Amino acid sequence: MAALGSEQTAPADDDGMAHRVTRRRSNRETADRPSTKTDAQGLLELACECIRDDCERFVKVPPDVYRRILDADQYLLQAGHHAFARYRTIISVGQMRIEERA
């Protein structure tokens, strides 16, 4: 099996990135929609923005926190579901975890 060069990605990686882009677009539209309702605690339910195209998990997050995640070019990942060594946790509350690229 040949190793991938720095400019190449595996087909599965491309599918995962496409999945992430689709989820990010959907989440952004949900967060930006004026008619979007939050729950009783003021949280939005948004899709996990991982690269696993079989992931169907959701995360509840305050709208202003999600906007900060977007501004920082970070991703919304469900706590305990996607642990990667290259991320470090900033905040963890219930099923919500905000992580930073290490």
N, C-alpha and C. Protein backbone atom coordinates (compact mmCIF):
# COMPACT_ATOMS: atom_id res chain seq x y z
N MET A 1 0.85 -1.18 0.00
CA MET A 1 0.00 0.00 0.00
C MET A 1 0.89 1.24 0.00
N ALA A 2 0.65 2.16 -0.89
CA ALA A 2 1.47 3.36 -1.00
C ALA A 2 1.07 4.36 0.07
N ALA A 3 2.07 5.08 0.55
CA ALA A 3 1.80 6.12 1.53
C ALA A 3 1.24 7.35 0.82
N LEU A 4 0.41 8.10 1.50
CA LEU A 4 -0.16 9.31 0.93
C LEU A 4 0.81 10.45 1.07
N GLY A 5 0.98 11.22 0.02
CA GLY A 5 1.82 12.41 0.08
C GLY A 5 1.11 13.52 0.80
N SER A 6 1.82 14.62 1.06
CA SER A 6 1.23 15.72 1.81
C SER A 6 0.08 16.38 1.07
N GLU A 7 0.05 16.27 -0.28
CA GLU A 7 -1.02 16.90 -1.04
C GLU A 7 -2.17 15.94 -1.32
N GLN A 8 -2.03 14.68 -0.95
CA GLN A 8 -3.06 13.70 -1.23
C GLN A 8 -3.83 13.37 0.04
N THR A 9 -5.08 13.00 -0.14
CA THR A 9 -5.89 12.52 0.98
C THR A 9 -6.57 11.24 0.56
N ALA A 10 -6.86 10.40 1.51
CA ALA A 10 -7.56 9.16 1.22
C ALA A 10 -9.01 9.47 0.87
N PRO A 11 -9.65 8.66 0.01
CA PRO A 11 -11.06 8.91 -0.32
C PRO A 11 -11.97 9.01 0.90
N ALA A 12 -11.74 8.19 1.92
CA ALA A 12 -12.56 8.26 3.13
C ALA A 12 -12.39 9.60 3.83
N ASP A 13 -11.17 10.16 3.81
CA ASP A 13 -10.94 11.48 4.39
C ASP A 13 -11.71 12.55 3.64
N ASP A 14 -11.74 12.44 2.30
CA ASP A 14 -12.49 13.41 1.50
C ASP A 14 -13.98 13.34 1.82
N ASP A 15 -14.52 12.13 1.97
CA ASP A 15 -15.92 11.97 2.33
C ASP A 15 -16.20 12.58 3.70
N GLY A 16 -15.29 12.36 4.64
CA GLY A 16 -15.44 12.91 5.98
C GLY A 16 -15.41 14.42 5.99
N MET A 17 -14.52 14.99 5.20
CA MET A 17 -14.44 16.45 5.14
C MET A 17 -15.70 17.02 4.48
N ALA A 18 -16.21 16.36 3.46
CA ALA A 18 -17.45 16.80 2.82
C ALA A 18 -18.60 16.74 3.82
N HIS A 19 -18.61 15.69 4.63
CA HIS A 19 -19.64 15.53 5.66
C HIS A 19 -19.53 16.69 6.67
N ARG A 20 -18.31 17.01 7.08
CA ARG A 20 -18.09 18.11 8.04
C ARG A 20 -18.57 19.43 7.45
N VAL A 21 -18.26 19.69 6.20
CA VAL A 21 -18.66 20.94 5.54
C VAL A 21 -20.18 21.04 5.50
N THR A 22 -20.85 19.94 5.16
CA THR A 22 -22.31 19.91 5.11
C THR A 22 -22.91 20.18 6.49
N ARG A 23 -22.37 19.52 7.52
CA ARG A 23 -22.85 19.73 8.89
C ARG A 23 -22.63 21.17 9.33
N ARG A 24 -21.44 21.72 9.04
CA ARG A 24 -21.13 23.09 9.44
C ARG A 24 -22.10 24.05 8.78
N ARG A 25 -22.36 23.86 7.50
CA ARG A 25 -23.28 24.74 6.77
C ARG A 25 -24.69 24.68 7.39
N SER A 26 -25.15 23.48 7.67
CA SER A 26 -26.48 23.30 8.28
C SER A 26 -26.54 23.93 9.66
N ASN A 27 -25.52 23.71 10.48
CA ASN A 27 -25.49 24.30 11.82
C ASN A 27 -25.46 25.82 11.75
N ARG A 28 -24.66 26.35 10.85
CA ARG A 28 -24.56 27.81 10.71
C ARG A 28 -25.92 28.40 10.31
N GLU A 29 -26.60 27.74 9.36
CA GLU A 29 -27.92 28.21 8.94
C GLU A 29 -28.91 28.16 10.10
N THR A 30 -28.86 27.10 10.88
CA THR A 30 -29.75 26.97 12.05
C THR A 30 -29.46 28.08 13.05
N ALA A 31 -28.20 28.31 13.35
CA ALA A 31 -27.82 29.32 14.35
C ALA A 31 -28.14 30.73 13.88
N ASP A 32 -28.06 30.98 12.56
CA ASP A 32 -28.29 32.32 12.02
C ASP A 32 -29.75 32.61 11.73
N ARG A 33 -30.59 31.59 11.70
CA ARG A 33 -32.00 31.76 11.37
C ARG A 33 -32.71 32.51 12.51
N PRO A 34 -33.32 33.65 12.21
CA PRO A 34 -34.00 34.42 13.27
C PRO A 34 -35.11 33.65 13.96
N SER A 35 -35.74 32.73 13.27
CA SER A 35 -36.86 31.99 13.85
C SER A 35 -36.41 30.77 14.67
N THR A 36 -35.11 30.52 14.74
CA THR A 36 -34.61 29.36 15.47
C THR A 36 -34.93 29.50 16.95
N LYS A 37 -35.53 28.48 17.49
CA LYS A 37 -35.91 28.46 18.91
C LYS A 37 -34.86 27.69 19.71
N THR A 38 -34.58 28.19 20.90
CA THR A 38 -33.71 27.47 21.82
C THR A 38 -34.60 26.73 22.81
N ASP A 39 -34.00 25.80 23.56
CA ASP A 39 -34.78 25.08 24.57
C ASP A 39 -34.95 25.96 25.80
N ALA A 40 -35.52 25.42 26.85
CA ALA A 40 -35.80 26.18 28.08
C ALA A 40 -34.53 26.74 28.72
N GLN A 41 -33.38 26.11 28.45
CA GLN A 41 -32.11 26.58 29.00
C GLN A 41 -31.37 27.52 28.06
N GLY A 42 -31.98 27.86 26.92
CA GLY A 42 -31.36 28.77 25.96
C GLY A 42 -30.33 28.09 25.07
N LEU A 43 -30.45 26.78 24.88
CA LEU A 43 -29.47 26.03 24.09
C LEU A 43 -30.04 25.64 22.72
N LEU A 44 -29.19 25.65 21.72
CA LEU A 44 -29.53 25.16 20.38
C LEU A 44 -29.07 23.71 20.26
N GLU A 45 -29.83 22.90 19.56
CA GLU A 45 -29.38 21.54 19.28
C GLU A 45 -28.79 21.53 17.88
N LEU A 46 -27.48 21.29 17.81
CA LEU A 46 -26.75 21.30 16.54
C LEU A 46 -26.08 19.96 16.33
N ALA A 47 -25.80 19.64 15.08
CA ALA A 47 -25.17 18.38 14.72
C ALA A 47 -23.68 18.40 15.05
N CYS A 48 -23.17 17.25 15.48
CA CYS A 48 -21.74 17.08 15.71
C CYS A 48 -21.01 17.34 14.39
N GLU A 49 -19.92 18.09 14.43
CA GLU A 49 -19.18 18.47 13.23
C GLU A 49 -17.91 17.65 13.03
N CYS A 50 -18.01 16.37 13.33
CA CYS A 50 -16.86 15.48 13.15
C CYS A 50 -16.73 15.10 11.68
N ILE A 51 -15.73 14.32 11.36
CA ILE A 51 -15.54 13.88 9.97
C ILE A 51 -16.05 12.47 9.73
N ARG A 52 -16.72 11.88 10.72
CA ARG A 52 -17.30 10.54 10.55
C ARG A 52 -18.64 10.68 9.84
N ASP A 53 -18.72 10.20 8.61
CA ASP A 53 -19.95 10.38 7.86
C ASP A 53 -21.10 9.51 8.37
N ASP A 54 -20.83 8.60 9.31
CA ASP A 54 -21.90 7.81 9.91
C ASP A 54 -22.38 8.39 11.25
N CYS A 55 -21.82 9.52 11.66
CA CYS A 55 -22.18 10.14 12.93
C CYS A 55 -23.52 10.86 12.81
N GLU A 56 -24.42 10.56 13.72
CA GLU A 56 -25.73 11.20 13.76
C GLU A 56 -25.97 11.85 15.12
N ARG A 57 -24.91 12.22 15.81
CA ARG A 57 -25.04 12.79 17.16
C ARG A 57 -25.28 14.29 17.11
N PHE A 58 -25.91 14.78 18.18
CA PHE A 58 -26.21 16.20 18.30
C PHE A 58 -25.65 16.73 19.61
N VAL A 59 -25.40 18.03 19.63
CA VAL A 59 -24.85 18.70 20.81
C VAL A 59 -25.71 19.93 21.08
N LYS A 60 -26.05 20.14 22.35
CA LYS A 60 -26.77 21.36 22.74
C LYS A 60 -25.74 22.37 23.21
N VAL A 61 -25.82 23.57 22.64
CA VAL A 61 -24.82 24.60 22.91
C VAL A 61 -25.50 25.97 22.90
N PRO A 62 -25.04 26.91 23.74
CA PRO A 62 -25.57 28.27 23.69
C PRO A 62 -25.23 28.91 22.34
N PRO A 63 -26.15 29.67 21.75
CA PRO A 63 -25.90 30.28 20.44
C PRO A 63 -24.63 31.14 20.40
N ASP A 64 -24.37 31.92 21.45
CA ASP A 64 -23.18 32.77 21.44
C ASP A 64 -21.89 31.95 21.49
N VAL A 65 -21.92 30.82 22.16
CA VAL A 65 -20.75 29.94 22.20
C VAL A 65 -20.49 29.37 20.81
N TYR A 66 -21.55 28.97 20.11
CA TYR A 66 -21.36 28.43 18.76
C TYR A 66 -20.79 29.49 17.83
N ARG A 67 -21.24 30.72 17.96
CA ARG A 67 -20.69 31.80 17.12
C ARG A 67 -19.20 32.00 17.41
N ARG A 68 -18.81 31.86 18.67
CA ARG A 68 -17.37 31.97 19.01
C ARG A 68 -16.58 30.80 18.43
N ILE A 69 -17.18 29.62 18.41
CA ILE A 69 -16.53 28.46 17.79
C ILE A 69 -16.31 28.74 16.30
N LEU A 70 -17.31 29.30 15.64
CA LEU A 70 -17.17 29.65 14.22
C LEU A 70 -16.07 30.69 14.02
N ASP A 71 -16.09 31.73 14.84
CA ASP A 71 -15.09 32.80 14.73
C ASP A 71 -13.67 32.28 14.93
N ALA A 72 -13.52 31.27 15.78
CA ALA A 72 -12.19 30.72 16.07
C ALA A 72 -11.80 29.59 15.11
N ASP A 73 -12.66 29.30 14.13
CA ASP A 73 -12.41 28.23 13.16
C ASP A 73 -12.20 26.88 13.85
N GLN A 74 -13.04 26.63 14.86
CA GLN A 74 -13.03 25.36 15.59
C GLN A 74 -14.26 24.57 15.19
N TYR A 75 -14.39 23.35 15.71
CA TYR A 75 -15.51 22.48 15.36
C TYR A 75 -16.26 22.04 16.60
N LEU A 76 -17.55 21.87 16.45
CA LEU A 76 -18.43 21.42 17.53
C LEU A 76 -18.43 19.90 17.52
N LEU A 77 -17.91 19.29 18.58
CA LEU A 77 -17.83 17.84 18.69
C LEU A 77 -18.51 17.39 19.96
N GLN A 78 -19.19 16.26 19.91
CA GLN A 78 -19.84 15.76 21.11
C GLN A 78 -18.81 15.20 22.08
N ALA A 79 -18.94 15.55 23.36
CA ALA A 79 -18.01 15.10 24.40
C ALA A 79 -18.01 13.58 24.51
N GLY A 80 -16.84 13.01 24.65
CA GLY A 80 -16.70 11.58 24.86
C GLY A 80 -16.87 10.74 23.61
N HIS A 81 -17.29 11.34 22.53
CA HIS A 81 -17.55 10.59 21.30
C HIS A 81 -16.36 10.65 20.35
N HIS A 82 -15.68 11.76 20.32
CA HIS A 82 -14.56 11.95 19.41
C HIS A 82 -13.37 12.51 20.18
N ALA A 83 -12.54 11.67 20.68
CA ALA A 83 -11.36 12.13 21.42
C ALA A 83 -10.14 11.97 20.52
N PHE A 84 -9.48 13.06 20.22
CA PHE A 84 -8.30 13.04 19.38
C PHE A 84 -7.14 13.66 20.16
N ALA A 85 -5.98 13.10 20.02
CA ALA A 85 -4.81 13.60 20.74
C ALA A 85 -4.47 15.03 20.35
N ARG A 86 -4.81 15.45 19.16
CA ARG A 86 -4.43 16.79 18.72
C ARG A 86 -5.37 17.89 19.20
N TYR A 87 -6.37 17.54 20.01
CA TYR A 87 -7.28 18.52 20.59
C TYR A 87 -7.13 18.54 22.10
N ARG A 88 -7.37 19.69 22.70
CA ARG A 88 -7.42 19.76 24.16
C ARG A 88 -8.73 20.43 24.53
N THR A 89 -9.30 19.98 25.63
CA THR A 89 -10.61 20.47 26.07
C THR A 89 -10.46 21.81 26.76
N ILE A 90 -11.27 22.76 26.36
CA ILE A 90 -11.32 24.08 26.99
C ILE A 90 -12.42 24.08 28.06
N ILE A 91 -13.62 23.68 27.67
CA ILE A 91 -14.79 23.65 28.57
C ILE A 91 -15.54 22.34 28.34
N SER A 92 -15.99 21.73 29.40
CA SER A 92 -16.81 20.53 29.29
C SER A 92 -17.97 20.66 30.26
N VAL A 93 -19.20 20.73 29.71
CA VAL A 93 -20.39 20.84 30.51
C VAL A 93 -21.40 19.83 29.98
N GLY A 94 -21.73 18.83 30.76
CA GLY A 94 -22.67 17.80 30.31
C GLY A 94 -22.15 17.13 29.06
N GLN A 95 -22.98 17.12 28.00
CA GLN A 95 -22.57 16.51 26.72
C GLN A 95 -21.88 17.50 25.79
N MET A 96 -21.67 18.73 26.24
CA MET A 96 -21.00 19.73 25.40
C MET A 96 -19.55 19.85 25.83
N ARG A 97 -18.66 19.84 24.87
CA ARG A 97 -17.25 20.06 25.14
C ARG A 97 -16.71 20.99 24.06
N ILE A 98 -15.99 22.00 24.47
CA ILE A 98 -15.35 22.90 23.53
C ILE A 98 -13.87 22.56 23.56
N GLU A 99 -13.34 22.25 22.38
CA GLU A 99 -11.96 21.83 22.29
C GLU A 99 -11.17 22.77 21.40
N GLU A 100 -9.88 22.77 21.59
CA GLU A 100 -8.98 23.61 20.82
C GLU A 100 -7.94 22.70 20.17
N ARG A 101 -7.56 23.04 18.97
CA ARG A 101 -6.48 22.28 18.33
C ARG A 101 -5.20 22.50 19.10
N ALA A 102 -4.54 21.42 19.46
CA ALA A 102 -3.29 21.53 20.24
C ALA A 102 -2.11 21.74 19.34
